[in-house]
Amino acid sequence: MTGASIETTLELWASSLRDVKARMRGLFTQERVAASANLFLDGLLGDERRKTGWMRAEAAGDPGPWRQQAILGRGRWDAEALRDIVRDYVVENLATNDAVLV
């Protein structure tokens, strides 16, 4: 059994993440908010064991957690639309005829 190289796997993951971010872009009316949402997602997927607002902000290069908190608390985006984007992505990439979702 052979597998893909680490480099190939990492590029596949990075490409998939870019695809997800592109799909999410339409949820945000301003480019800067979409960029903050992308950084928020990067922070959630980062190496840090604890994902506090300050830690995510530092990872994103922000002076404090306010931008990232604004996405969740004050931002205007449609959570149900995001759910649909995630569902569609999962179906497109993981679905097989004999798959079972648990």
PDB file of N, CA and C in Angstrom:
ATOM      1  N   MET A   1       0.847  -1.175   0.000  1.00  0.00           N
ATOM      2  CA  MET A   1       0.000   0.000   0.000  1.00  0.00           C
ATOM      3  C   MET A   1       0.894   1.240   0.000  1.00  0.00           C
ATOM      4  N   THR A   2       0.646   2.126  -0.920  1.00  0.00           N
ATOM      5  CA  THR A   2       1.419   3.364  -0.961  1.00  0.00           C
ATOM      6  C   THR A   2       0.488   4.531  -0.707  1.00  0.00           C
ATOM      7  N   GLY A   3       1.035   5.548  -0.134  1.00  0.00           N
ATOM      8  CA  GLY A   3       0.248   6.743   0.163  1.00  0.00           C
ATOM      9  C   GLY A   3       0.895   7.956  -0.469  1.00  0.00           C
ATOM     10  N   ALA A   4       0.193   9.040  -0.417  1.00  0.00           N
ATOM     11  CA  ALA A   4       0.713  10.288  -0.957  1.00  0.00           C
ATOM     12  C   ALA A   4       1.803  10.818  -0.035  1.00  0.00           C
ATOM     13  N   SER A   5       2.725  11.560  -0.611  1.00  0.00           N
ATOM     14  CA  SER A   5       3.764  12.179   0.204  1.00  0.00           C
ATOM     15  C   SER A   5       3.142  13.222   1.126  1.00  0.00           C
ATOM     16  N   ILE A   6       3.877  13.572   2.150  1.00  0.00           N
ATOM     17  CA  ILE A   6       3.397  14.598   3.077  1.00  0.00           C
ATOM     18  C   ILE A   6       3.157  15.902   2.331  1.00  0.00           C
ATOM     19  N   GLU A   7       4.066  16.251   1.446  1.00  0.00           N
ATOM     20  CA  GLU A   7       3.924  17.491   0.685  1.00  0.00           C
ATOM     21  C   GLU A   7       2.657  17.484  -0.167  1.00  0.00           C
ATOM     22  N   THR A   8       2.385  16.352  -0.805  1.00  0.00           N
ATOM     23  CA  THR A   8       1.183  16.232  -1.629  1.00  0.00           C
ATOM     24  C   THR A   8      -0.069  16.333  -0.773  1.00  0.00           C
ATOM     25  N   THR A   9      -0.051  15.670   0.365  1.00  0.00           N
ATOM     26  CA  THR A   9      -1.199  15.706   1.274  1.00  0.00           C
ATOM     27  C   THR A   9      -1.442  17.119   1.786  1.00  0.00           C
ATOM     28  N   LEU A  10      -0.372  17.801   2.202  1.00  0.00           N
ATOM     29  CA  LEU A  10      -0.516  19.172   2.699  1.00  0.00           C
ATOM     30  C   LEU A  10      -1.046  20.106   1.619  1.00  0.00           C
ATOM     31  N   GLU A  11      -0.585  19.938   0.393  1.00  0.00           N
ATOM     32  CA  GLU A  11      -1.085  20.789  -0.693  1.00  0.00           C
ATOM     33  C   GLU A  11      -2.549  20.487  -0.985  1.00  0.00           C
ATOM     34  N   LEU A  12      -2.943  19.230  -0.897  1.00  0.00           N
ATOM     35  CA  LEU A  12      -4.349  18.873  -1.079  1.00  0.00           C
ATOM     36  C   LEU A  12      -5.206  19.528  -0.003  1.00  0.00           C
ATOM     37  N   TRP A  13      -4.751  19.476   1.243  1.00  0.00           N
ATOM     38  CA  TRP A  13      -5.486  20.116   2.340  1.00  0.00           C
ATOM     39  C   TRP A  13      -5.564  21.622   2.132  1.00  0.00           C
ATOM     40  N   ALA A  14      -4.442  22.237   1.751  1.00  0.00           N
ATOM     41  CA  ALA A  14      -4.422  23.689   1.529  1.00  0.00           C
ATOM     42  C   ALA A  14      -5.360  24.067   0.390  1.00  0.00           C
ATOM     43  N   SER A  15      -5.360  23.274  -0.663  1.00  0.00           N
ATOM     44  CA  SER A  15      -6.253  23.525  -1.793  1.00  0.00           C
ATOM     45  C   SER A  15      -7.714  23.398  -1.375  1.00  0.00           C
ATOM     46  N   SER A  16      -8.007  22.386  -0.578  1.00  0.00           N
ATOM     47  CA  SER A  16      -9.377  22.194  -0.095  1.00  0.00           C
ATOM     48  C   SER A  16      -9.806  23.349   0.801  1.00  0.00           C
ATOM     49  N   LEU A  17      -8.903  23.827   1.646  1.00  0.00           N
ATOM     50  CA  LEU A  17      -9.222  24.957   2.517  1.00  0.00           C
ATOM     51  C   LEU A  17      -9.475  26.218   1.690  1.00  0.00           C
ATOM     52  N   ARG A  18      -8.674  26.435   0.652  1.00  0.00           N
ATOM     53  CA  ARG A  18      -8.914  27.585  -0.244  1.00  0.00           C
ATOM     54  C   ARG A  18     -10.284  27.476  -0.898  1.00  0.00           C
ATOM     55  N   ASP A  19     -10.670  26.278  -1.282  1.00  0.00           N
ATOM     56  CA  ASP A  19     -11.986  26.057  -1.888  1.00  0.00           C
ATOM     57  C   ASP A  19     -13.100  26.400  -0.904  1.00  0.00           C
ATOM     58  N   VAL A  20     -12.967  25.932   0.327  1.00  0.00           N
ATOM     59  CA  VAL A  20     -13.985  26.220   1.348  1.00  0.00           C
ATOM     60  C   VAL A  20     -14.079  27.723   1.587  1.00  0.00           C
ATOM     61  N   LYS A  21     -12.942  28.389   1.699  1.00  0.00           N
ATOM     62  CA  LYS A  21     -12.937  29.839   1.923  1.00  0.00           C
ATOM     63  C   LYS A  21     -13.591  30.574   0.754  1.00  0.00           C
ATOM     64  N   ALA A  22     -13.332  30.129  -0.452  1.00  0.00           N
ATOM     65  CA  ALA A  22     -13.953  30.760  -1.624  1.00  0.00           C
ATOM     66  C   ALA A  22     -15.465  30.580  -1.597  1.00  0.00           C
ATOM     67  N   ARG A  23     -15.915  29.423  -1.182  1.00  0.00           N
ATOM     68  CA  ARG A  23     -17.357  29.181  -1.083  1.00  0.00           C
ATOM     69  C   ARG A  23     -17.989  30.059  -0.010  1.00  0.00           C
ATOM     70  N   MET A  24     -17.263  30.300   1.083  1.00  0.00           N
ATOM     71  CA  MET A  24     -17.780  31.113   2.184  1.00  0.00           C
ATOM     72  C   MET A  24     -17.795  32.600   1.847  1.00  0.00           C
ATOM     73  N   ARG A  25     -17.007  33.023   0.883  1.00  0.00           N
ATOM     74  CA  ARG A  25     -16.840  34.451   0.589  1.00  0.00           C
ATOM     75  C   ARG A  25     -18.170  35.160   0.375  1.00  0.00           C
ATOM     76  N   GLY A  26     -19.110  34.523  -0.274  1.00  0.00           N
ATOM     77  CA  GLY A  26     -20.403  35.133  -0.566  1.00  0.00           C
ATOM     78  C   GLY A  26     -21.247  35.431   0.661  1.00  0.00           C
ATOM     79  N   LEU A  27     -20.870  34.899   1.812  1.00  0.00           N
ATOM     80  CA  LEU A  27     -21.627  35.149   3.037  1.00  0.00           C
ATOM     81  C   LEU A  27     -21.365  36.537   3.608  1.00  0.00           C
ATOM     82  N   PHE A  28     -20.291  37.179   3.165  1.00  0.00           N
ATOM     83  CA  PHE A  28     -19.864  38.439   3.759  1.00  0.00           C
ATOM     84  C   PHE A  28     -19.940  39.564   2.734  1.00  0.00           C
ATOM     85  N   THR A  29     -20.480  40.701   3.153  1.00  0.00           N
ATOM     86  CA  THR A  29     -20.671  41.818   2.225  1.00  0.00           C
ATOM     87  C   THR A  29     -19.398  42.621   2.013  1.00  0.00           C
ATOM     88  N   GLN A  30     -18.452  42.528   2.926  1.00  0.00           N
ATOM     89  CA  GLN A  30     -17.217  43.300   2.814  1.00  0.00           C
ATOM     90  C   GLN A  30     -16.014  42.365   2.766  1.00  0.00           C
ATOM     91  N   GLU A  31     -15.051  42.728   1.939  1.00  0.00           N
ATOM     92  CA  GLU A  31     -13.852  41.910   1.781  1.00  0.00           C
ATOM     93  C   GLU A  31     -13.081  41.783   3.094  1.00  0.00           C
ATOM     94  N   ARG A  32     -13.008  42.867   3.867  1.00  0.00           N
ATOM     95  CA  ARG A  32     -12.240  42.808   5.121  1.00  0.00           C
ATOM     96  C   ARG A  32     -12.883  41.847   6.121  1.00  0.00           C
ATOM     97  N   VAL A  33     -14.203  41.758   6.104  1.00  0.00           N
ATOM     98  CA  VAL A  33     -14.895  40.827   7.002  1.00  0.00           C
ATOM     99  C   VAL A  33     -14.646  39.390   6.538  1.00  0.00           C
ATOM    100  N   ALA A  34     -14.677  39.177   5.234  1.00  0.00           N
ATOM    101  CA  ALA A  34     -14.379  37.844   4.699  1.00  0.00           C
ATOM    102  C   ALA A  34     -12.948  37.442   5.043  1.00  0.00           C
ATOM    103  N   ALA A  35     -12.020  38.395   4.960  1.00  0.00           N
ATOM    104  CA  ALA A  35     -10.625  38.109   5.312  1.00  0.00           C
ATOM    105  C   ALA A  35     -10.513  37.747   6.789  1.00  0.00           C
ATOM    106  N   SER A  36     -11.233  38.465   7.642  1.00  0.00           N
ATOM    107  CA  SER A  36     -11.224  38.143   9.077  1.00  0.00           C
ATOM    108  C   SER A  36     -11.820  36.762   9.330  1.00  0.00           C
ATOM    109  N   ALA A  37     -12.866  36.421   8.597  1.00  0.00           N
ATOM    110  CA  ALA A  37     -13.472  35.093   8.740  1.00  0.00           C
ATOM    111  C   ALA A  37     -12.480  34.008   8.322  1.00  0.00           C
ATOM    112  N   ASN A  38     -11.724  34.270   7.264  1.00  0.00           N
ATOM    113  CA  ASN A  38     -10.709  33.310   6.832  1.00  0.00           C
ATOM    114  C   ASN A  38      -9.641  33.128   7.902  1.00  0.00           C
ATOM    115  N   LEU A  39      -9.208  34.233   8.499  1.00  0.00           N
ATOM    116  CA  LEU A  39      -8.211  34.156   9.563  1.00  0.00           C
ATOM    117  C   LEU A  39      -8.771  33.443  10.792  1.00  0.00           C
ATOM    118  N   PHE A  40     -10.051  33.658  11.069  1.00  0.00           N
ATOM    119  CA  PHE A  40     -10.712  32.965  12.177  1.00  0.00           C
ATOM    120  C   PHE A  40     -10.658  31.458  11.936  1.00  0.00           C
ATOM    121  N   LEU A  41     -10.989  31.041  10.720  1.00  0.00           N
ATOM    122  CA  LEU A  41     -10.949  29.620  10.377  1.00  0.00           C
ATOM    123  C   LEU A  41      -9.528  29.075  10.484  1.00  0.00           C
ATOM    124  N   ASP A  42      -8.553  29.834   9.987  1.00  0.00           N
ATOM    125  CA  ASP A  42      -7.156  29.412  10.112  1.00  0.00           C
ATOM    126  C   ASP A  42      -6.778  29.209  11.576  1.00  0.00           C
ATOM    127  N   GLY A  43      -7.234  30.131  12.430  1.00  0.00           N
ATOM    128  CA  GLY A  43      -6.935  30.019  13.855  1.00  0.00           C
ATOM    129  C   GLY A  43      -7.543  28.776  14.476  1.00  0.00           C
ATOM    130  N   LEU A  44      -8.752  28.448  14.073  1.00  0.00           N
ATOM    131  CA  LEU A  44      -9.392  27.243  14.605  1.00  0.00           C
ATOM    132  C   LEU A  44      -8.663  25.978  14.177  1.00  0.00           C
ATOM    133  N   LEU A  45      -8.055  26.020  13.004  1.00  0.00           N
ATOM    134  CA  LEU A  45      -7.345  24.853  12.487  1.00  0.00           C
ATOM    135  C   LEU A  45      -5.870  24.855  12.865  1.00  0.00           C
ATOM    136  N   GLY A  46      -5.419  25.880  13.579  1.00  0.00           N
ATOM    137  CA  GLY A  46      -4.012  26.029  13.922  1.00  0.00           C
ATOM    138  C   GLY A  46      -3.534  25.050  14.978  1.00  0.00           C
ATOM    139  N   ASP A  47      -2.250  25.163  15.284  1.00  0.00           N
ATOM    140  CA  ASP A  47      -1.580  24.239  16.198  1.00  0.00           C
ATOM    141  C   ASP A  47      -1.916  24.452  17.668  1.00  0.00           C
ATOM    142  N   GLU A  48      -2.378  25.633  18.025  1.00  0.00           N
ATOM    143  CA  GLU A  48      -2.604  25.929  19.430  1.00  0.00           C
ATOM    144  C   GLU A  48      -3.620  24.959  20.030  1.00  0.00           C
ATOM    145  N   ARG A  49      -3.314  24.483  21.213  1.00  0.00           N
ATOM    146  CA  ARG A  49      -4.237  23.550  21.875  1.00  0.00           C
ATOM    147  C   ARG A  49      -5.467  24.287  22.378  1.00  0.00           C
ATOM    148  N   ARG A  50      -5.264  25.487  22.908  1.00  0.00           N
ATOM    149  CA  ARG A  50      -6.389  26.292  23.383  1.00  0.00           C
ATOM    150  C   ARG A  50      -6.689  27.336  22.324  1.00  0.00           C
ATOM    151  N   LYS A  51      -7.948  27.557  22.066  1.00  0.00           N
ATOM    152  CA  LYS A  51      -8.362  28.467  20.993  1.00  0.00           C
ATOM    153  C   LYS A  51      -9.069  29.695  21.563  1.00  0.00           C
ATOM    154  N   THR A  52      -8.406  30.413  22.459  1.00  0.00           N
ATOM    155  CA  THR A  52      -9.024  31.605  23.029  1.00  0.00           C
ATOM    156  C   THR A  52      -9.040  32.726  22.000  1.00  0.00           C
ATOM    157  N   GLY A  53      -9.860  33.727  22.243  1.00  0.00           N
ATOM    158  CA  GLY A  53      -9.926  34.873  21.343  1.00  0.00           C
ATOM    159  C   GLY A  53      -8.585  35.560  21.181  1.00  0.00           C
ATOM    160  N   TRP A  54      -7.871  35.721  22.280  1.00  0.00           N
ATOM    161  CA  TRP A  54      -6.560  36.364  22.208  1.00  0.00           C
ATOM    162  C   TRP A  54      -5.584  35.523  21.405  1.00  0.00           C
ATOM    163  N   MET A  55      -5.588  34.221  21.608  1.00  0.00           N
ATOM    164  CA  MET A  55      -4.658  33.353  20.880  1.00  0.00           C
ATOM    165  C   MET A  55      -4.960  33.343  19.388  1.00  0.00           C
ATOM    166  N   ARG A  56      -6.244  33.297  19.047  1.00  0.00           N
ATOM    167  CA  ARG A  56      -6.617  33.340  17.628  1.00  0.00           C
ATOM    168  C   ARG A  56      -6.225  34.679  17.026  1.00  0.00           C
ATOM    169  N   ALA A  57      -6.421  35.768  17.786  1.00  0.00           N
ATOM    170  CA  ALA A  57      -6.061  37.099  17.297  1.00  0.00           C
ATOM    171  C   ALA A  57      -4.559  37.192  17.048  1.00  0.00           C
ATOM    172  N   GLU A  58      -3.763  36.702  17.978  1.00  0.00           N
ATOM    173  CA  GLU A  58      -2.314  36.731  17.803  1.00  0.00           C
ATOM    174  C   GLU A  58      -1.901  35.940  16.567  1.00  0.00           C
ATOM    175  N   ALA A  59      -2.495  34.782  16.377  1.00  0.00           N
ATOM    176  CA  ALA A  59      -2.175  33.956  15.208  1.00  0.00           C
ATOM    177  C   ALA A  59      -2.551  34.668  13.912  1.00  0.00           C
ATOM    178  N   ALA A  60      -3.605  35.492  13.962  1.00  0.00           N
ATOM    179  CA  ALA A  60      -4.060  36.224  12.776  1.00  0.00           C
ATOM    180  C   ALA A  60      -3.302  37.532  12.580  1.00  0.00           C
ATOM    181  N   GLY A  61      -2.474  37.907  13.569  1.00  0.00           N
ATOM    182  CA  GLY A  61      -1.749  39.164  13.470  1.00  0.00           C
ATOM    183  C   GLY A  61      -2.563  40.372  13.900  1.00  0.00           C
ATOM    184  N   ASP A  62      -3.668  40.147  14.582  1.00  0.00           N
ATOM    185  CA  ASP A  62      -4.515  41.241  15.068  1.00  0.00           C
ATOM    186  C   ASP A  62      -4.010  41.710  16.431  1.00  0.00           C
ATOM    187  N   PRO A  63      -4.207  43.006  16.748  1.00  0.00           N
ATOM    188  CA  PRO A  63      -3.753  43.523  18.042  1.00  0.00           C
ATOM    189  C   PRO A  63      -4.590  43.026  19.222  1.00  0.00           C
ATOM    190  N   GLY A  64      -5.768  42.551  18.975  1.00  0.00           N
ATOM    191  CA  GLY A  64      -6.647  42.045  20.025  1.00  0.00           C
ATOM    192  C   GLY A  64      -7.730  41.185  19.398  1.00  0.00           C
ATOM    193  N   PRO A  65      -8.601  40.612  20.213  1.00  0.00           N
ATOM    194  CA  PRO A  65      -9.590  39.659  19.711  1.00  0.00           C
ATOM    195  C   PRO A  65     -10.827  40.289  19.072  1.00  0.00           C
ATOM    196  N   TRP A  66     -10.901  41.604  18.996  1.00  0.00           N
ATOM    197  CA  TRP A  66     -12.144  42.270  18.610  1.00  0.00           C
ATOM    198  C   TRP A  66     -12.627  41.918  17.212  1.00  0.00           C
ATOM    199  N   ARG A  67     -11.727  41.863  16.235  1.00  0.00           N
ATOM    200  CA  ARG A  67     -12.157  41.521  14.867  1.00  0.00           C
ATOM    201  C   ARG A  67     -12.751  40.123  14.814  1.00  0.00           C
ATOM    202  N   GLN A  68     -12.084  39.220  15.466  1.00  0.00           N
ATOM    203  CA  GLN A  68     -12.549  37.839  15.433  1.00  0.00           C
ATOM    204  C   GLN A  68     -13.850  37.681  16.210  1.00  0.00           C
ATOM    205  N   GLN A  69     -13.973  38.389  17.319  1.00  0.00           N
ATOM    206  CA  GLN A  69     -15.216  38.346  18.079  1.00  0.00           C
ATOM    207  C   GLN A  69     -16.356  38.973  17.288  1.00  0.00           C
ATOM    208  N   ALA A  70     -16.048  40.000  16.513  1.00  0.00           N
ATOM    209  CA  ALA A  70     -17.082  40.679  15.729  1.00  0.00           C
ATOM    210  C   ALA A  70     -17.705  39.744  14.703  1.00  0.00           C
ATOM    211  N   ILE A  71     -16.926  38.841  14.166  1.00  0.00           N
ATOM    212  CA  ILE A  71     -17.462  37.889  13.190  1.00  0.00           C
ATOM    213  C   ILE A  71     -18.581  37.068  13.819  1.00  0.00           C
ATOM    214  N   LEU A  72     -18.360  36.638  15.046  1.00  0.00           N
ATOM    215  CA  LEU A  72     -19.347  35.793  15.714  1.00  0.00           C
ATOM    216  C   LEU A  72     -20.482  36.596  16.325  1.00  0.00           C
ATOM    217  N   GLY A  73     -20.174  37.753  16.901  1.00  0.00           N
ATOM    218  CA  GLY A  73     -21.180  38.473  17.671  1.00  0.00           C
ATOM    219  C   GLY A  73     -21.905  39.578  16.940  1.00  0.00           C
ATOM    220  N   ARG A  74     -21.171  40.353  16.141  1.00  0.00           N
ATOM    221  CA  ARG A  74     -21.790  41.504  15.494  1.00  0.00           C
ATOM    222  C   ARG A  74     -21.874  41.369  13.982  1.00  0.00           C
ATOM    223  N   GLY A  75     -21.190  40.396  13.450  1.00  0.00           N
ATOM    224  CA  GLY A  75     -21.183  40.231  12.001  1.00  0.00           C
ATOM    225  C   GLY A  75     -22.538  39.816  11.466  1.00  0.00           C
ATOM    226  N   ARG A  76     -22.780  40.239  10.248  1.00  0.00           N
ATOM    227  CA  ARG A  76     -24.031  39.859   9.581  1.00  0.00           C
ATOM    228  C   ARG A  76     -23.722  38.827   8.511  1.00  0.00           C
ATOM    229  N   TRP A  77     -24.015  37.605   8.837  1.00  0.00           N
ATOM    230  CA  TRP A  77     -23.867  36.517   7.886  1.00  0.00           C
ATOM    231  C   TRP A  77     -24.887  35.461   8.251  1.00  0.00           C
ATOM    232  N   ASP A  78     -25.169  34.611   7.317  1.00  0.00           N
ATOM    233  CA  ASP A  78     -26.256  33.648   7.443  1.00  0.00           C
ATOM    234  C   ASP A  78     -25.706  32.281   7.852  1.00  0.00           C
ATOM    235  N   ALA A  79     -25.911  31.917   9.107  1.00  0.00           N
ATOM    236  CA  ALA A  79     -25.413  30.635   9.616  1.00  0.00           C
ATOM    237  C   ALA A  79     -26.024  29.459   8.856  1.00  0.00           C
ATOM    238  N   GLU A  80     -27.271  29.588   8.451  1.00  0.00           N
ATOM    239  CA  GLU A  80     -27.910  28.495   7.707  1.00  0.00           C
ATOM    240  C   GLU A  80     -27.291  28.349   6.321  1.00  0.00           C
ATOM    241  N   ALA A  81     -26.905  29.469   5.715  1.00  0.00           N
ATOM    242  CA  ALA A  81     -26.225  29.401   4.420  1.00  0.00           C
ATOM    243  C   ALA A  81     -24.858  28.734   4.577  1.00  0.00           C
ATOM    244  N   LEU A  82     -24.164  29.030   5.681  1.00  0.00           N
ATOM    245  CA  LEU A  82     -22.883  28.374   5.942  1.00  0.00           C
ATOM    246  C   LEU A  82     -23.088  26.876   6.132  1.00  0.00           C
ATOM    247  N   ARG A  83     -24.130  26.504   6.853  1.00  0.00           N
ATOM    248  CA  ARG A  83     -24.451  25.085   7.026  1.00  0.00           C
ATOM    249  C   ARG A  83     -24.633  24.418   5.663  1.00  0.00           C
ATOM    250  N   ASP A  84     -25.346  25.078   4.760  1.00  0.00           N
ATOM    251  CA  ASP A  84     -25.585  24.520   3.430  1.00  0.00           C
ATOM    252  C   ASP A  84     -24.284  24.384   2.640  1.00  0.00           C
ATOM    253  N   ILE A  85     -23.398  25.366   2.775  1.00  0.00           N
ATOM    254  CA  ILE A  85     -22.104  25.311   2.098  1.00  0.00           C
ATOM    255  C   ILE A  85     -21.306  24.112   2.598  1.00  0.00           C
ATOM    256  N   VAL A  86     -21.272  23.935   3.908  1.00  0.00           N
ATOM    257  CA  VAL A  86     -20.537  22.811   4.495  1.00  0.00           C
ATOM    258  C   VAL A  86     -21.155  21.487   4.058  1.00  0.00           C
ATOM    259  N   ARG A  87     -22.481  21.404   4.095  1.00  0.00           N
ATOM    260  CA  ARG A  87     -23.164  20.173   3.676  1.00  0.00           C
ATOM    261  C   ARG A  87     -22.825  19.842   2.226  1.00  0.00           C
ATOM    262  N   ASP A  88     -22.926  20.829   1.344  1.00  0.00           N
ATOM    263  CA  ASP A  88     -22.635  20.595  -0.070  1.00  0.00           C
ATOM    264  C   ASP A  88     -21.192  20.142  -0.270  1.00  0.00           C
ATOM    265  N   TYR A  89     -20.275  20.777   0.448  1.00  0.00           N
ATOM    266  CA  TYR A  89     -18.864  20.410   0.337  1.00  0.00           C
ATOM    267  C   TYR A  89     -18.653  18.961   0.781  1.00  0.00           C
ATOM    268  N   VAL A  90     -19.248  18.591   1.893  1.00  0.00           N
ATOM    269  CA  VAL A  90     -19.100  17.224   2.406  1.00  0.00           C
ATOM    270  C   VAL A  90     -19.676  16.218   1.418  1.00  0.00           C
ATOM    271  N   VAL A  91     -20.857  16.492   0.901  1.00  0.00           N
ATOM    272  CA  VAL A  91     -21.483  15.572  -0.053  1.00  0.00           C
ATOM    273  C   VAL A  91     -20.621  15.432  -1.304  1.00  0.00           C
ATOM    274  N   GLU A  92     -20.098  16.547  -1.813  1.00  0.00           N
ATOM    275  CA  GLU A  92     -19.274  16.503  -3.023  1.00  0.00           C
ATOM    276  C   GLU A  92     -17.972  15.735  -2.816  1.00  0.00           C
ATOM    277  N   ASN A  93     -17.400  15.826  -1.633  1.00  0.00           N
ATOM    278  CA  ASN A  93     -16.064  15.288  -1.421  1.00  0.00           C
ATOM    279  C   ASN A  93     -16.011  13.967  -0.665  1.00  0.00           C
ATOM    280  N   LEU A  94     -17.049  13.634   0.071  1.00  0.00           N
ATOM    281  CA  LEU A  94     -17.003  12.413   0.872  1.00  0.00           C
ATOM    282  C   LEU A  94     -18.064  11.384   0.502  1.00  0.00           C
ATOM    283  N   ALA A  95     -19.028  11.768  -0.285  1.00  0.00           N
ATOM    284  CA  ALA A  95     -20.159  10.881  -0.558  1.00  0.00           C
ATOM    285  C   ALA A  95     -19.764   9.707  -1.452  1.00  0.00           C
ATOM    286  N   THR A  96     -20.267   8.553  -1.076  1.00  0.00           N
ATOM    287  CA  THR A  96     -20.219   7.365  -1.917  1.00  0.00           C
ATOM    288  C   THR A  96     -21.577   6.694  -1.796  1.00  0.00           C
ATOM    289  N   ASN A  97     -21.862   5.793  -2.697  1.00  0.00           N
ATOM    290  CA  ASN A  97     -23.177   5.154  -2.696  1.00  0.00           C
ATOM    291  C   ASN A  97     -23.469   4.379  -1.422  1.00  0.00           C
ATOM    292  N   ASP A  98     -22.423   3.863  -0.768  1.00  0.00           N
ATOM    293  CA  ASP A  98     -22.648   3.073   0.444  1.00  0.00           C
ATOM    294  C   ASP A  98     -22.269   3.828   1.724  1.00  0.00           C
ATOM    295  N   ALA A  99     -22.122   5.145   1.633  1.00  0.00           N
ATOM    296  CA  ALA A  99     -21.737   5.945   2.803  1.00  0.00           C
ATOM    297  C   ALA A  99     -22.884   6.060   3.797  1.00  0.00           C
ATOM    298  N   VAL A 100     -22.508   6.158   5.064  1.00  0.00           N
ATOM    299  CA  VAL A 100     -23.468   6.363   6.140  1.00  0.00           C
ATOM    300  C   VAL A 100     -22.969   7.540   6.969  1.00  0.00           C
ATOM    301  N   LEU A 101     -23.812   8.535   7.160  1.00  0.00           N
ATOM    302  CA  LEU A 101     -23.452   9.688   7.973  1.00  0.00           C
ATOM    303  C   LEU A 101     -23.864   9.431   9.407  1.00  0.00           C
ATOM    304  N   VAL A 102     -22.918   9.530  10.312  1.00  0.00           N
ATOM    305  CA  VAL A 102     -23.189   9.286  11.733  1.00  0.00           C
ATOM    306  C   VAL A 102     -23.068  10.589  12.481  1.00  0.00           C
TER     307      VAL A 102
END
